[in-house]
Every structure is written in structure tokens, then in C-alpha cells.
Amino acid sequence: MNKSAVRSEESRQSSSLPSTYSSSSLNSEDEKLALLSDINALQALFPGVTPKEETPLIKHPNMTPAVFSKKFDYVMGIYRAVGVTFKGTRVGPSTPQWLLLTSFVIQQNASHYSAWKDRRDVFLQPSRLLTSTRDAFMAENGQQCCGDKSDSLAKVIQEWLPAQCDVQGPTGEYSVWRAIRWELKAMERFALMNPKNFQAWHHRGEMLREALMHANSAVTGSRSAFDGYLLTCHNMQFSDIDERVFCDAALDDDSKNYHAWLYRSWFVHSFPFLLHPPSWDSLLGGDQGTEDKHSELHAAPFRSFTVEEDWLHKCLQPIIPECPLSDELTSTAKRILHDCMNNSAWCHRFYVFEHDLIVPLIRVIPPQQTEEAKLILKRLCECEMFYALQWCAYEPCNESSFVHARCVAVLHQAVAIHLCLSSHEDAPHVFLRDDEIIQVAGSSSLRHMNLRDKLRWGAFLETFRLLLCQVNVLSDVITPRAEEFRSGGEGRDDATISVIRKRRSQFLLDNTHQVYTARYRCLFTILEYMWRCYFTVSDRENVAAALPPEVYAGGDAEAAALAQQQSDDCVKFFLEAELQALRLARRLFVEDDIRRKYWKHEMNIVMNRDYV
């Protein structure tokens, strides 16, 4: 059955209804919801049913009961009275009245888990749903639409019951995907009006999970295959159930809605074709249509960081070749552009970058292209780190962008260590395809201990290339901008005050120490990883002998002199990094009043080398 045939069927179904049924749908979702507040319609649905009062708490007979509105008590009373007959999945056929009643209940209490569950029990069972349609109601209860209450009841039935053709596929059989499409659309307004309501989001996810459980993996492997399946077997398209649009609507209203971000993450990972990474060929520059920015991935190994003064006009440029995953990264970039302090968007972006770009690419590295893979993975991480650092330059008081930049650099270090170790193993390409999660700095895996026996110092230091680059950028580029912002704020000049008002927060002036925190965390990451994973017991003893902890108490000058005297490049590097970290911790102890105890603790860790 083609689409025109379905439309004809829908017209035929509607023509069998009274005149009030055939009218066009209500103009707004709010008007549609208002129908469920009409008690006259509910009374017409259950004319002979007496509401059942709530059973009192026997254990607490003297407790004062909660007082609800008469409308609420009536709806819940009807629900309790007829629920015994219809609740669950094994009680026999459902009825249109029961399905409508769940809508009335949810309108009164959108957090009523049982009502949401009752709806799913109907929609996900063919026999129950097909006896709960608008057509089934008219066949059995057409006479109920006559009388004083017929108009309100007719509108409720028109808007809140699916027609039989809404839940049937081209062959006339029950279609789970069409049923889900109707339910997602019907209950959309409930979720948007109650954006922090767990049950509304859970309901949508459970409906889709049930359908996906019975979907062939070959069908969901690509967008074209899934669209073809839906069109052929269900006369619909993926865009009809694309919940990213719904999530965008929720996030437009509240850009940090935990439920919306969690649901979006689940949704895009449930349909793998939404996160397909670029191919190795496109990353290697084999795609002739790839833009210059992407072909640079195979150019010189290192780049210098330059602040883009017109960053707001460039921040949406993709960091990878065109692919579904690039679309998701661009979506987060738009959220960050709207509010660069939206930590939810930063977290989602990093999760997608790590789990859906870097890790999958590592597991499909061609054995003969390991060296090229190292370069490409470094360039991907470098592009993403520079993206975050540009936001650090734009807003030097934003902790989210600093954390993101550091996490990307740490991810690159973990990837580089894996590739270096694997290059000395019998089958590195096999190892990279296993299910082991990439360990970040501080890994306690035996494979990552005593690395000095496995990697020469130069190769190990190279794995910290992005972290060291970030430390330099923070020190040479971002810190001066933060200090300029701070000094302008202290002088209260018109330009700075204008910036503060534009960015909406006086908090920014009190948070310029974020850049020093970021520098410290980068250095501490290096120190911790070297101490725990690279140094041998002998190395640790040499460090302690070269610069005993008590020397730090005497000031930086003596400690710096001792560090410069070291002949071992590895030990010298460690001591110099340790001295820089301690200086930053001391500064933050003074400047960061809120976390002064924390910085005192950090100073003790560094001085006593308590990195384990």
C-alpha cells in the first residue's frame, strides 16, 4: 500500500465519524491537552462507574490525607475502579476507554508511573492496541457520541485515540513502528511541559527499546537500509521517529536538561548509523572532495596555536570529514556557541569524541598503517584540543573548556602509549581491536607499569606532546588574556563592564584563576603518570635523593638550582615540572579562597610526592 492509499484509508476512517470527528485537529498542543481536563468527557466514557476512593493507610490511621482537587480525585477514582480489569499484560483485551483513561490520569499527574506503564502495555501488544483504536470505539460505542456531552467526547476521541490505519502497516497488520510514531507524537507535549519528569522520558525510551529488540541488525546498520525497511514494511521514514528533533526542542527550553542530554546520548547510540565515524581513506586524504582543513591531517606533524579573534564565526567548522558523527559534533558546537559555559554540551561532546571517533578508529587501524595512524589520531586530538583552547581564549574564566582541552590531551596520551606498546607486540592490530577500555593517566594495569623498561625516554615524552603544547598555550596565550580581563575588571573601565554584562555574570571576574588551575592540572597529570607508570623504584629513589621534599620548604630558588644540576633528562624534566606545579598550587592557595583547603592538600601531595 503506497502513501496515497494510506491517506485514502485515513479519509475513509474519518468519514465514518460524526461531524465533530471529521473536523481538523486543534490548532495548538495546549488546546489538545485541555481536552483531557474536561470531566464531562470522562463521565461519558464511564457512565456507570463509581470512583473508588483511595485505601487509607492502615499502619498510620491518624495521618492526615493529602487534599487534591475534585477533578484529580474523580480521575484517580475512576482509574482505581477500572484498573483491576485492565492493568497488566495478561488480563485480556484492552478497550479504547482504558487507553483514553491513561491520558486523563497522566494529564492530572504526569509522574504517575503506572499510567505510563499501562499505556506501553497497550501499545506494544498488537491484540490490545487494535481493540483500543478510534475505529474500535465507534464500532462498539458509537451511541455514546450522542447527547449533551457528545461534542467534548468526540474531540477527545479524535485527538487521543489512534485510528486503526495509524498503527497498521501496508499489509494491514499491526506495525510496532507506526504505533510508536503515533505515541511519540501524541505524548510529546507532556514531556515538553514536564521536562524534568523521568517517567515521560523513560516512556519514550522504553517504546523504542522494545522495537529495537526485534529489529534486524542488518536493517539498522545504515540510514538508507533502515529508511528502506521502514518505508517498505511500515510506510514511514526514520525522520518520523528521529528523537533528536524532540531533544533539540527540550534543550532549546533548557540547555542543561539532564534528562534530555541522557536521552539524546542513548538515542544516537541506539541507532549506530547516526554516529558513523569517517573512513580511514577520508582521513588519509584519499577522498578528493575533502576540504583543505581535512587534508591537513596528513600534513606536518605539529602546528602552532593562534587565537582566532573572530572565533564565533569559525567555531562551527567541522574538525573531521563529512560523516554522521560530524553532524553530532556540529550539534554540540551549536549548543556551545549558544552558551560556552554549558558543561552538559561539553560532556556530551567529549563522550562522543572519545567513544565514537577515537576508540572505533583505533580498533580498525590497518596493520601496515600504524605510523600513519599515530599521526592522524594525534591530528584529530590536536584539532579538538585547539577547538577547546579557542574557547578558553574567548572566555578565560570558563572551567568547562579548560577541562575539555585537558581531557582530550590525556586521551591522546593514552592512545599514544597504546600504539607505542602495541608496535612492539606480535599482533598489535589484534590488540587494538579487543574490548579493553583505553586507560587514561594513572592506569594501574600491569601492562602500563614500569614503562621505562619498555619505552625509551624520548618516545615516552612524545606521548605527552599535546599536554605540553597545552601547558605552553595556557601559559603564553591564555594567561595574559585572563590577566588583562582581571586588570580591566579591577579598573572598572567601560569596555570590561560591557563585556561582563554581555556575558551575564559577575562571577567571571572572580574566576580568572581557572587558567592557573588548568596549568596545574596538566602538570599534575604528567607527574602522576610518570611517577606511577614510568618510573622504576630506582628512579623514584633518585628523584628523592636529588631533591628531598624538605628543600621545597626553603623556597623555589634552591629547588630550581638542584633540578638544573641533574644529568638524567628524565629526572630533570620531572623535577622541573614538579616545581612549576608547586608554584601554581601556592598561587592558587592565595587566589582561590573557596578552595583554599583543597590547594593546601595539593601542595602537600606534590611536596611529599604522594602520587600513588
Foldseek 3Di string as FASTA:
>chain_A
DAPVVLVVVVVVLQVVAPPLLVDDADPDVVVLLVLLLDVLLLCLLPVPFDFAADDDDPVCNPDDDDDDDPSLSRLVRRCVRCVVQQADQPNDAAALSLQLSLSSNCSSPVQPLRSLVSNCSQLVDQRRLLRNALSNCCVVPVVSLDDDSNNSNSSSNSQRGHHQSQQAAPVSGGDLVSSLLSVCVSCLVSCLVVVQRPSSLVSNVVSVVVVLVPDDCVQLVAQVSVQVCCCVTHVDHVVSSPCVVSLVSSCVVPVQRPSSLVSNLVVCVSRVQLQAEDDPCVQCVVDVPWDPLSPCLQPDQDDAADADPVCLVVLLDFNHGDGSNSVVLSVLSVSCSVPVLRLSSLVSNLCSCQPRYLLVVLLPDDPVCLVSNLSNLSSSLLSQLSSLVNVCQVQVLRLSSLVSNLVSLQSQLLVLVLSLQLVPDPHSSNVSNDPDDRDTFPDPDPSQAQCVVVDPPVSNVVSNVSLVSLLCCLVPPNLVSLVVLLVCVVVVDPVSVVVCVVNPDPVSNLRSLSSLVSSLVSLLSVLLRCVGGHDDPVLVVVLCVLAPLVVVVVDLPVLLVSLVPDPPPVSSVNSVSLSSNLVSLVVCCVRVVVCVVVSVVVNVCSSNVVSD
